[in-house]
Protein backbone atom coordinates (compact mmCIF):
# COMPACT_ATOMS: atom_id res chain seq x y z
CA UNK A 1 0.00 0.00 0.00
CA UNK A 2 1.23 3.44 -0.94
CA UNK A 3 0.30 5.01 2.39
CA UNK A 4 2.84 2.75 4.15
CA UNK A 5 5.60 4.56 2.27
CA UNK A 6 4.10 7.94 3.16
CA UNK A 7 4.26 7.09 6.87
CA UNK A 8 8.00 7.65 6.85
CA UNK A 9 7.45 11.33 6.00
CA UNK A 10 5.35 11.93 9.12
CA UNK A 11 6.52 13.03 12.55
CA UNK A 12 6.53 10.29 15.21
CA UNK A 13 3.22 11.30 16.83
CA UNK A 14 1.54 11.62 13.42
CA UNK A 15 2.90 8.25 12.28
CA UNK A 16 1.67 6.59 15.46
CA UNK A 17 -1.78 8.18 15.03
CA UNK A 18 -2.00 7.07 11.37
CA UNK A 19 -0.96 3.53 12.28
CA UNK A 20 -3.52 3.39 15.09
CA UNK A 21 -6.25 4.66 12.77
CA UNK A 22 -5.37 2.01 10.21
CA UNK A 23 -5.31 -0.82 12.74
CA UNK A 24 -8.51 0.33 14.44
CA UNK A 25 -10.59 1.38 11.40
CA UNK A 26 -9.35 -0.40 8.26
CA UNK A 27 -12.32 -2.79 8.37
CA UNK A 28 -14.78 0.09 8.65
CA UNK A 29 -13.21 1.93 5.71
CA UNK A 30 -13.20 -1.26 3.65
CA UNK A 31 -16.85 -2.07 4.49
CA UNK A 32 -18.14 1.42 3.68
CA UNK A 33 -16.26 1.34 0.37
CA UNK A 34 -17.29 -2.19 -0.50
CA UNK A 35 -21.00 -1.40 0.03
CA UNK A 36 -20.72 1.26 -2.66
CA UNK A 37 -18.31 -0.42 -5.06
CA UNK A 38 -19.12 -4.13 -4.67
CA UNK A 39 -15.58 -5.02 -5.74
CA UNK A 40 -12.84 -6.16 -3.39
CA UNK A 41 -9.99 -4.55 -5.35
CA UNK A 42 -11.79 -1.20 -5.60
CA UNK A 43 -12.54 -1.24 -1.86
CA UNK A 44 -8.86 -1.92 -1.15
CA UNK A 45 -7.84 0.94 -3.46
CA UNK A 46 -10.27 3.18 -1.60
CA UNK A 47 -8.73 2.15 1.73
CA UNK A 48 -5.35 3.26 0.42
CA UNK A 49 -6.75 6.60 -0.78
CA UNK A 50 -8.55 7.24 2.50
CA UNK A 51 -5.41 6.60 4.53
CA UNK A 52 -3.48 9.00 2.30
CA UNK A 53 -6.20 11.61 2.90
CA UNK A 54 -5.95 10.99 6.63
CA UNK A 55 -2.22 11.68 6.50
CA UNK A 56 -2.76 14.88 4.49
CA UNK A 57 -5.26 16.06 7.10
CA UNK A 58 -3.51 14.60 10.14
CA UNK A 59 -4.13 17.73 12.22
CA UNK A 60 -7.86 16.87 12.13
CA UNK A 61 -7.20 13.41 13.59
CA UNK A 62 -4.36 13.85 16.11
CA UNK A 63 -6.47 15.01 19.03
CA UNK A 64 -9.91 13.95 17.84
CA UNK A 65 -12.10 11.61 19.85
CA UNK A 66 -13.18 8.19 18.67
CA UNK A 67 -16.59 9.38 17.41
CA UNK A 68 -15.07 12.25 15.45
CA UNK A 69 -12.46 9.99 13.86
CA UNK A 70 -15.08 7.43 12.91
CA UNK A 71 -17.40 10.09 11.44
CA UNK A 72 -14.57 11.58 9.40
CA UNK A 73 -13.47 8.18 8.13
CA UNK A 74 -16.98 7.26 7.03
CA UNK A 75 -17.22 10.53 5.10
CA UNK A 76 -13.75 10.10 3.59
CA UNK A 77 -14.52 6.48 2.66
CA UNK A 78 -17.90 7.19 1.14
CA UNK A 79 -16.58 10.06 -0.96
CA UNK A 80 -13.48 8.20 -2.12
CA UNK A 81 -15.65 5.21 -3.10
CA UNK A 82 -18.13 7.41 -4.95
CA UNK A 83 -15.30 9.10 -6.83
CA UNK A 84 -13.85 5.72 -7.81
CA UNK A 85 -17.30 4.50 -8.81
CA UNK A 86 -17.79 7.53 -11.06
CA UNK A 87 -14.30 7.16 -12.49
CA UNK A 88 -14.98 3.50 -13.30
CA UNK A 89 -18.27 4.41 -14.96
CA UNK A 90 -16.62 7.08 -17.10
CA UNK A 91 -13.91 4.61 -18.02
CA UNK A 92 -16.48 2.03 -19.10
CA UNK A 93 -18.40 4.79 -20.96
CA UNK A 94 -21.71 3.86 -19.40
CA UNK A 95 -24.13 6.64 -18.66
CA UNK A 96 -25.40 5.43 -15.29
CA UNK A 97 -25.51 8.33 -12.84
CA UNK A 98 -24.73 7.78 -9.17
CA UNK A 99 -26.95 9.83 -6.93
CA UNK A 100 -28.00 9.96 -3.30
CA UNK A 101 -31.50 9.73 -2.00
CA UNK A 102 -32.92 10.54 1.42
CA UNK A 103 -33.94 7.84 3.89
CA UNK A 104 -37.32 7.49 2.18
CA UNK A 105 -35.51 6.91 -1.14
CA UNK A 106 -36.96 10.09 -2.58
CA UNK A 107 -35.55 13.36 -3.84
CA UNK A 108 -37.15 16.50 -2.49
CA UNK A 109 -37.42 19.91 -4.16
CA UNK A 110 -38.47 22.43 -1.60
CA UNK A 111 -39.40 26.06 -2.17
CA UNK A 112 -37.67 28.08 0.51
CA UNK A 113 -39.14 31.24 1.93
CA UNK A 114 -36.48 33.66 3.13
CA UNK A 115 -37.66 35.18 6.39
CA UNK A 116 -34.31 36.82 7.16
CA UNK A 117 -33.39 34.48 10.04
CA UNK A 118 -30.26 32.42 9.93
CA UNK A 119 -29.84 28.91 11.28
CA UNK A 120 -27.43 30.23 13.88
CA UNK A 121 -30.14 32.53 15.27
CA UNK A 122 -32.27 29.62 16.46
CA UNK A 123 -31.77 28.99 20.18
CA UNK A 124 -30.46 25.49 20.71
CA UNK A 125 -32.48 24.19 23.62
CA UNK A 126 -32.41 20.44 24.15
CA UNK A 127 -35.72 20.24 22.30
CA UNK A 128 -34.25 22.18 19.39
CA UNK A 129 -31.14 19.96 19.37
CA UNK A 130 -33.43 16.94 19.03
CA UNK A 131 -35.25 18.69 16.18
CA UNK A 132 -31.96 19.47 14.43
CA UNK A 133 -30.83 15.84 14.74
CA UNK A 134 -34.17 14.64 13.40
CA UNK A 135 -34.10 16.97 10.41
CA UNK A 136 -30.40 16.47 9.64
CA UNK A 137 -31.36 12.92 8.69
CA UNK A 138 -33.74 14.33 6.06
CA UNK A 139 -30.89 16.04 4.21
CA UNK A 140 -29.10 14.28 1.38
CA UNK A 141 -25.99 12.35 2.41
CA UNK A 142 -23.91 14.92 0.52
CA UNK A 143 -25.38 17.73 2.60
CA UNK A 144 -25.07 15.72 5.83
CA UNK A 145 -21.39 15.06 5.14
CA UNK A 146 -20.71 18.73 4.45
CA UNK A 147 -22.57 19.83 7.61
CA UNK A 148 -20.70 17.24 9.73
CA UNK A 149 -17.31 18.27 8.41
CA UNK A 150 -17.81 22.04 8.76
CA UNK A 151 -20.01 22.37 11.83
CA UNK A 152 -19.40 19.10 13.63
CA UNK A 153 -15.68 18.61 13.05
CA UNK A 154 -14.50 22.19 12.53
CA UNK A 155 -13.29 21.95 8.93
CA UNK A 156 -13.20 25.12 6.85
CA UNK A 157 -15.27 25.16 3.66
CA UNK A 158 -12.07 24.71 1.64
CA UNK A 159 -10.92 21.75 3.76
CA UNK A 160 -14.36 20.13 3.53
CA UNK A 161 -14.38 20.68 -0.23
CA UNK A 162 -11.01 18.94 -0.52
CA UNK A 163 -12.23 15.92 1.47
CA UNK A 164 -15.46 15.74 -0.55
CA UNK A 165 -13.63 16.22 -3.87
CA UNK A 166 -15.71 19.24 -4.84
CA UNK A 167 -14.96 22.92 -5.28
CA UNK A 168 -15.06 25.29 -2.35
CA UNK A 169 -18.00 27.06 -3.99
CA UNK A 170 -19.89 23.77 -4.25
CA UNK A 171 -19.27 23.09 -0.55
CA UNK A 172 -20.53 26.56 0.33
CA UNK A 173 -23.62 26.04 -1.82
CA UNK A 174 -24.33 22.69 -0.16
CA UNK A 175 -24.08 24.34 3.25
CA UNK A 176 -26.32 27.20 2.20
CA UNK A 177 -29.01 24.89 0.81
CA UNK A 178 -28.80 22.55 3.81
CA UNK A 179 -29.09 25.42 6.28
CA UNK A 180 -32.07 26.86 4.40
CA UNK A 181 -33.83 23.49 4.44
CA UNK A 182 -33.09 22.99 8.13
CA UNK A 183 -34.30 26.48 8.96
CA UNK A 184 -37.52 25.89 7.05
CA UNK A 185 -38.19 22.45 8.55
CA UNK A 186 -37.22 23.33 12.10
CA UNK A 187 -38.90 26.74 12.00
CA UNK A 188 -42.10 25.21 10.65
CA UNK A 189 -42.15 22.57 13.34
CA UNK A 190 -41.41 25.06 16.13
CA UNK A 191 -44.13 27.39 14.85
CA UNK A 192 -46.61 24.53 14.69
CA UNK A 193 -45.79 23.62 18.30
CA UNK A 194 -46.26 27.17 19.57
CA UNK A 195 -49.62 27.49 17.78
CA UNK A 196 -51.00 24.43 19.60
C-alpha atoms as a PDB file:
ATOM      1  CA  UNK A   1       0.000   0.000   0.000  1.00  0.00           C
ATOM      2  CA  UNK A   2       1.230   3.442  -0.936  1.00  0.00           C
ATOM      3  CA  UNK A   3       0.303   5.012   2.393  1.00  0.00           C
ATOM      4  CA  UNK A   4       2.840   2.752   4.153  1.00  0.00           C
ATOM      5  CA  UNK A   5       5.599   4.563   2.268  1.00  0.00           C
ATOM      6  CA  UNK A   6       4.104   7.943   3.162  1.00  0.00           C
ATOM      7  CA  UNK A   7       4.262   7.086   6.871  1.00  0.00           C
ATOM      8  CA  UNK A   8       8.004   7.652   6.847  1.00  0.00           C
ATOM      9  CA  UNK A   9       7.455  11.328   6.005  1.00  0.00           C
ATOM     10  CA  UNK A  10       5.355  11.927   9.124  1.00  0.00           C
ATOM     11  CA  UNK A  11       6.518  13.027  12.551  1.00  0.00           C
ATOM     12  CA  UNK A  12       6.533  10.294  15.213  1.00  0.00           C
ATOM     13  CA  UNK A  13       3.217  11.296  16.829  1.00  0.00           C
ATOM     14  CA  UNK A  14       1.536  11.618  13.425  1.00  0.00           C
ATOM     15  CA  UNK A  15       2.904   8.254  12.281  1.00  0.00           C
ATOM     16  CA  UNK A  16       1.674   6.592  15.461  1.00  0.00           C
ATOM     17  CA  UNK A  17      -1.778   8.177  15.027  1.00  0.00           C
ATOM     18  CA  UNK A  18      -2.001   7.065  11.366  1.00  0.00           C
ATOM     19  CA  UNK A  19      -0.962   3.530  12.281  1.00  0.00           C
ATOM     20  CA  UNK A  20      -3.516   3.385  15.092  1.00  0.00           C
ATOM     21  CA  UNK A  21      -6.252   4.663  12.770  1.00  0.00           C
ATOM     22  CA  UNK A  22      -5.370   2.007  10.211  1.00  0.00           C
ATOM     23  CA  UNK A  23      -5.308  -0.817  12.745  1.00  0.00           C
ATOM     24  CA  UNK A  24      -8.514   0.329  14.437  1.00  0.00           C
ATOM     25  CA  UNK A  25     -10.586   1.377  11.399  1.00  0.00           C
ATOM     26  CA  UNK A  26      -9.345  -0.404   8.263  1.00  0.00           C
ATOM     27  CA  UNK A  27     -12.323  -2.788   8.366  1.00  0.00           C
ATOM     28  CA  UNK A  28     -14.783   0.094   8.649  1.00  0.00           C
ATOM     29  CA  UNK A  29     -13.205   1.934   5.708  1.00  0.00           C
ATOM     30  CA  UNK A  30     -13.201  -1.262   3.648  1.00  0.00           C
ATOM     31  CA  UNK A  31     -16.847  -2.073   4.485  1.00  0.00           C
ATOM     32  CA  UNK A  32     -18.135   1.418   3.677  1.00  0.00           C
ATOM     33  CA  UNK A  33     -16.262   1.339   0.373  1.00  0.00           C
ATOM     34  CA  UNK A  34     -17.295  -2.193  -0.504  1.00  0.00           C
ATOM     35  CA  UNK A  35     -21.001  -1.402   0.026  1.00  0.00           C
ATOM     36  CA  UNK A  36     -20.718   1.263  -2.659  1.00  0.00           C
ATOM     37  CA  UNK A  37     -18.314  -0.416  -5.063  1.00  0.00           C
ATOM     38  CA  UNK A  38     -19.124  -4.135  -4.673  1.00  0.00           C
ATOM     39  CA  UNK A  39     -15.583  -5.017  -5.740  1.00  0.00           C
ATOM     40  CA  UNK A  40     -12.842  -6.157  -3.389  1.00  0.00           C
ATOM     41  CA  UNK A  41      -9.991  -4.554  -5.353  1.00  0.00           C
ATOM     42  CA  UNK A  42     -11.794  -1.204  -5.603  1.00  0.00           C
ATOM     43  CA  UNK A  43     -12.543  -1.240  -1.862  1.00  0.00           C
ATOM     44  CA  UNK A  44      -8.863  -1.923  -1.152  1.00  0.00           C
ATOM     45  CA  UNK A  45      -7.843   0.937  -3.457  1.00  0.00           C
ATOM     46  CA  UNK A  46     -10.269   3.177  -1.599  1.00  0.00           C
ATOM     47  CA  UNK A  47      -8.734   2.147   1.730  1.00  0.00           C
ATOM     48  CA  UNK A  48      -5.348   3.256   0.420  1.00  0.00           C
ATOM     49  CA  UNK A  49      -6.749   6.597  -0.777  1.00  0.00           C
ATOM     50  CA  UNK A  50      -8.553   7.241   2.504  1.00  0.00           C
ATOM     51  CA  UNK A  51      -5.411   6.605   4.532  1.00  0.00           C
ATOM     52  CA  UNK A  52      -3.481   9.004   2.303  1.00  0.00           C
ATOM     53  CA  UNK A  53      -6.199  11.615   2.895  1.00  0.00           C
ATOM     54  CA  UNK A  54      -5.949  10.993   6.628  1.00  0.00           C
ATOM     55  CA  UNK A  55      -2.221  11.679   6.500  1.00  0.00           C
ATOM     56  CA  UNK A  56      -2.757  14.875   4.489  1.00  0.00           C
ATOM     57  CA  UNK A  57      -5.259  16.058   7.100  1.00  0.00           C
ATOM     58  CA  UNK A  58      -3.507  14.601  10.142  1.00  0.00           C
ATOM     59  CA  UNK A  59      -4.132  17.732  12.222  1.00  0.00           C
ATOM     60  CA  UNK A  60      -7.857  16.866  12.127  1.00  0.00           C
ATOM     61  CA  UNK A  61      -7.197  13.414  13.592  1.00  0.00           C
ATOM     62  CA  UNK A  62      -4.361  13.852  16.105  1.00  0.00           C
ATOM     63  CA  UNK A  63      -6.465  15.011  19.026  1.00  0.00           C
ATOM     64  CA  UNK A  64      -9.911  13.946  17.841  1.00  0.00           C
ATOM     65  CA  UNK A  65     -12.100  11.610  19.847  1.00  0.00           C
ATOM     66  CA  UNK A  66     -13.184   8.190  18.665  1.00  0.00           C
ATOM     67  CA  UNK A  67     -16.595   9.376  17.407  1.00  0.00           C
ATOM     68  CA  UNK A  68     -15.066  12.248  15.447  1.00  0.00           C
ATOM     69  CA  UNK A  69     -12.465   9.991  13.865  1.00  0.00           C
ATOM     70  CA  UNK A  70     -15.079   7.429  12.908  1.00  0.00           C
ATOM     71  CA  UNK A  71     -17.399  10.088  11.443  1.00  0.00           C
ATOM     72  CA  UNK A  72     -14.570  11.583   9.403  1.00  0.00           C
ATOM     73  CA  UNK A  73     -13.466   8.179   8.130  1.00  0.00           C
ATOM     74  CA  UNK A  74     -16.983   7.260   7.027  1.00  0.00           C
ATOM     75  CA  UNK A  75     -17.221  10.530   5.099  1.00  0.00           C
ATOM     76  CA  UNK A  76     -13.751  10.102   3.589  1.00  0.00           C
ATOM     77  CA  UNK A  77     -14.520   6.479   2.659  1.00  0.00           C
ATOM     78  CA  UNK A  78     -17.897   7.189   1.144  1.00  0.00           C
ATOM     79  CA  UNK A  79     -16.583  10.059  -0.962  1.00  0.00           C
ATOM     80  CA  UNK A  80     -13.483   8.196  -2.122  1.00  0.00           C
ATOM     81  CA  UNK A  81     -15.650   5.208  -3.097  1.00  0.00           C
ATOM     82  CA  UNK A  82     -18.127   7.410  -4.954  1.00  0.00           C
ATOM     83  CA  UNK A  83     -15.296   9.100  -6.830  1.00  0.00           C
ATOM     84  CA  UNK A  84     -13.852   5.723  -7.809  1.00  0.00           C
ATOM     85  CA  UNK A  85     -17.305   4.495  -8.810  1.00  0.00           C
ATOM     86  CA  UNK A  86     -17.794   7.528 -11.058  1.00  0.00           C
ATOM     87  CA  UNK A  87     -14.297   7.157 -12.489  1.00  0.00           C
ATOM     88  CA  UNK A  88     -14.983   3.498 -13.298  1.00  0.00           C
ATOM     89  CA  UNK A  89     -18.269   4.406 -14.959  1.00  0.00           C
ATOM     90  CA  UNK A  90     -16.618   7.079 -17.103  1.00  0.00           C
ATOM     91  CA  UNK A  91     -13.914   4.606 -18.016  1.00  0.00           C
ATOM     92  CA  UNK A  92     -16.484   2.034 -19.101  1.00  0.00           C
ATOM     93  CA  UNK A  93     -18.400   4.786 -20.961  1.00  0.00           C
ATOM     94  CA  UNK A  94     -21.705   3.858 -19.399  1.00  0.00           C
ATOM     95  CA  UNK A  95     -24.134   6.637 -18.658  1.00  0.00           C
ATOM     96  CA  UNK A  96     -25.398   5.431 -15.290  1.00  0.00           C
ATOM     97  CA  UNK A  97     -25.514   8.326 -12.836  1.00  0.00           C
ATOM     98  CA  UNK A  98     -24.725   7.779  -9.166  1.00  0.00           C
ATOM     99  CA  UNK A  99     -26.948   9.834  -6.929  1.00  0.00           C
ATOM    100  CA  UNK A 100     -27.999   9.959  -3.299  1.00  0.00           C
ATOM    101  CA  UNK A 101     -31.502   9.729  -1.995  1.00  0.00           C
ATOM    102  CA  UNK A 102     -32.917  10.536   1.419  1.00  0.00           C
ATOM    103  CA  UNK A 103     -33.938   7.838   3.888  1.00  0.00           C
ATOM    104  CA  UNK A 104     -37.325   7.494   2.183  1.00  0.00           C
ATOM    105  CA  UNK A 105     -35.508   6.912  -1.140  1.00  0.00           C
ATOM    106  CA  UNK A 106     -36.961  10.094  -2.579  1.00  0.00           C
ATOM    107  CA  UNK A 107     -35.555  13.365  -3.840  1.00  0.00           C
ATOM    108  CA  UNK A 108     -37.148  16.499  -2.492  1.00  0.00           C
ATOM    109  CA  UNK A 109     -37.417  19.907  -4.163  1.00  0.00           C
ATOM    110  CA  UNK A 110     -38.472  22.434  -1.603  1.00  0.00           C
ATOM    111  CA  UNK A 111     -39.404  26.057  -2.172  1.00  0.00           C
ATOM    112  CA  UNK A 112     -37.666  28.080   0.507  1.00  0.00           C
ATOM    113  CA  UNK A 113     -39.145  31.238   1.934  1.00  0.00           C
ATOM    114  CA  UNK A 114     -36.478  33.662   3.131  1.00  0.00           C
ATOM    115  CA  UNK A 115     -37.656  35.178   6.392  1.00  0.00           C
ATOM    116  CA  UNK A 116     -34.307  36.820   7.163  1.00  0.00           C
ATOM    117  CA  UNK A 117     -33.394  34.476  10.035  1.00  0.00           C
ATOM    118  CA  UNK A 118     -30.265  32.418   9.933  1.00  0.00           C
ATOM    119  CA  UNK A 119     -29.844  28.913  11.279  1.00  0.00           C
ATOM    120  CA  UNK A 120     -27.427  30.232  13.880  1.00  0.00           C
ATOM    121  CA  UNK A 121     -30.145  32.533  15.267  1.00  0.00           C
ATOM    122  CA  UNK A 122     -32.269  29.615  16.462  1.00  0.00           C
ATOM    123  CA  UNK A 123     -31.769  28.993  20.180  1.00  0.00           C
ATOM    124  CA  UNK A 124     -30.464  25.494  20.709  1.00  0.00           C
ATOM    125  CA  UNK A 125     -32.477  24.188  23.617  1.00  0.00           C
ATOM    126  CA  UNK A 126     -32.411  20.439  24.155  1.00  0.00           C
ATOM    127  CA  UNK A 127     -35.721  20.239  22.298  1.00  0.00           C
ATOM    128  CA  UNK A 128     -34.249  22.180  19.395  1.00  0.00           C
ATOM    129  CA  UNK A 129     -31.144  19.962  19.374  1.00  0.00           C
ATOM    130  CA  UNK A 130     -33.433  16.943  19.025  1.00  0.00           C
ATOM    131  CA  UNK A 131     -35.248  18.693  16.177  1.00  0.00           C
ATOM    132  CA  UNK A 132     -31.965  19.469  14.435  1.00  0.00           C
ATOM    133  CA  UNK A 133     -30.833  15.844  14.741  1.00  0.00           C
ATOM    134  CA  UNK A 134     -34.172  14.638  13.402  1.00  0.00           C
ATOM    135  CA  UNK A 135     -34.099  16.966  10.411  1.00  0.00           C
ATOM    136  CA  UNK A 136     -30.402  16.466   9.641  1.00  0.00           C
ATOM    137  CA  UNK A 137     -31.359  12.920   8.687  1.00  0.00           C
ATOM    138  CA  UNK A 138     -33.740  14.325   6.057  1.00  0.00           C
ATOM    139  CA  UNK A 139     -30.895  16.041   4.210  1.00  0.00           C
ATOM    140  CA  UNK A 140     -29.101  14.277   1.384  1.00  0.00           C
ATOM    141  CA  UNK A 141     -25.989  12.351   2.408  1.00  0.00           C
ATOM    142  CA  UNK A 142     -23.908  14.919   0.519  1.00  0.00           C
ATOM    143  CA  UNK A 143     -25.384  17.734   2.598  1.00  0.00           C
ATOM    144  CA  UNK A 144     -25.070  15.721   5.826  1.00  0.00           C
ATOM    145  CA  UNK A 145     -21.395  15.059   5.143  1.00  0.00           C
ATOM    146  CA  UNK A 146     -20.714  18.734   4.445  1.00  0.00           C
ATOM    147  CA  UNK A 147     -22.567  19.833   7.608  1.00  0.00           C
ATOM    148  CA  UNK A 148     -20.701  17.241   9.732  1.00  0.00           C
ATOM    149  CA  UNK A 149     -17.307  18.269   8.411  1.00  0.00           C
ATOM    150  CA  UNK A 150     -17.812  22.041   8.758  1.00  0.00           C
ATOM    151  CA  UNK A 151     -20.006  22.374  11.833  1.00  0.00           C
ATOM    152  CA  UNK A 152     -19.400  19.098  13.631  1.00  0.00           C
ATOM    153  CA  UNK A 153     -15.684  18.610  13.052  1.00  0.00           C
ATOM    154  CA  UNK A 154     -14.497  22.191  12.529  1.00  0.00           C
ATOM    155  CA  UNK A 155     -13.292  21.954   8.933  1.00  0.00           C
ATOM    156  CA  UNK A 156     -13.199  25.120   6.850  1.00  0.00           C
ATOM    157  CA  UNK A 157     -15.269  25.162   3.661  1.00  0.00           C
ATOM    158  CA  UNK A 158     -12.074  24.707   1.642  1.00  0.00           C
ATOM    159  CA  UNK A 159     -10.920  21.750   3.757  1.00  0.00           C
ATOM    160  CA  UNK A 160     -14.361  20.127   3.535  1.00  0.00           C
ATOM    161  CA  UNK A 161     -14.378  20.677  -0.233  1.00  0.00           C
ATOM    162  CA  UNK A 162     -11.015  18.935  -0.522  1.00  0.00           C
ATOM    163  CA  UNK A 163     -12.234  15.925   1.467  1.00  0.00           C
ATOM    164  CA  UNK A 164     -15.459  15.744  -0.553  1.00  0.00           C
ATOM    165  CA  UNK A 165     -13.625  16.220  -3.872  1.00  0.00           C
ATOM    166  CA  UNK A 166     -15.709  19.241  -4.839  1.00  0.00           C
ATOM    167  CA  UNK A 167     -14.957  22.923  -5.284  1.00  0.00           C
ATOM    168  CA  UNK A 168     -15.056  25.292  -2.348  1.00  0.00           C
ATOM    169  CA  UNK A 169     -17.997  27.059  -3.988  1.00  0.00           C
ATOM    170  CA  UNK A 170     -19.893  23.772  -4.249  1.00  0.00           C
ATOM    171  CA  UNK A 171     -19.267  23.092  -0.553  1.00  0.00           C
ATOM    172  CA  UNK A 172     -20.528  26.561   0.326  1.00  0.00           C
ATOM    173  CA  UNK A 173     -23.616  26.041  -1.822  1.00  0.00           C
ATOM    174  CA  UNK A 174     -24.334  22.688  -0.160  1.00  0.00           C
ATOM    175  CA  UNK A 175     -24.078  24.338   3.253  1.00  0.00           C
ATOM    176  CA  UNK A 176     -26.317  27.198   2.200  1.00  0.00           C
ATOM    177  CA  UNK A 177     -29.015  24.890   0.810  1.00  0.00           C
ATOM    178  CA  UNK A 178     -28.796  22.550   3.806  1.00  0.00           C
ATOM    179  CA  UNK A 179     -29.095  25.423   6.282  1.00  0.00           C
ATOM    180  CA  UNK A 180     -32.066  26.860   4.401  1.00  0.00           C
ATOM    181  CA  UNK A 181     -33.834  23.494   4.438  1.00  0.00           C
ATOM    182  CA  UNK A 182     -33.093  22.986   8.125  1.00  0.00           C
ATOM    183  CA  UNK A 183     -34.296  26.476   8.958  1.00  0.00           C
ATOM    184  CA  UNK A 184     -37.519  25.891   7.051  1.00  0.00           C
ATOM    185  CA  UNK A 185     -38.187  22.450   8.548  1.00  0.00           C
ATOM    186  CA  UNK A 186     -37.224  23.328  12.100  1.00  0.00           C
ATOM    187  CA  UNK A 187     -38.896  26.741  12.005  1.00  0.00           C
ATOM    188  CA  UNK A 188     -42.097  25.208  10.650  1.00  0.00           C
ATOM    189  CA  UNK A 189     -42.145  22.566  13.344  1.00  0.00           C
ATOM    190  CA  UNK A 190     -41.407  25.057  16.131  1.00  0.00           C
ATOM    191  CA  UNK A 191     -44.132  27.392  14.846  1.00  0.00           C
ATOM    192  CA  UNK A 192     -46.610  24.529  14.691  1.00  0.00           C
ATOM    193  CA  UNK A 193     -45.793  23.617  18.303  1.00  0.00           C
ATOM    194  CA  UNK A 194     -46.258  27.168  19.566  1.00  0.00           C
ATOM    195  CA  UNK A 195     -49.615  27.493  17.775  1.00  0.00           C
ATOM    196  CA  UNK A 196     -50.996  24.435  19.598  1.00  0.00           C
END
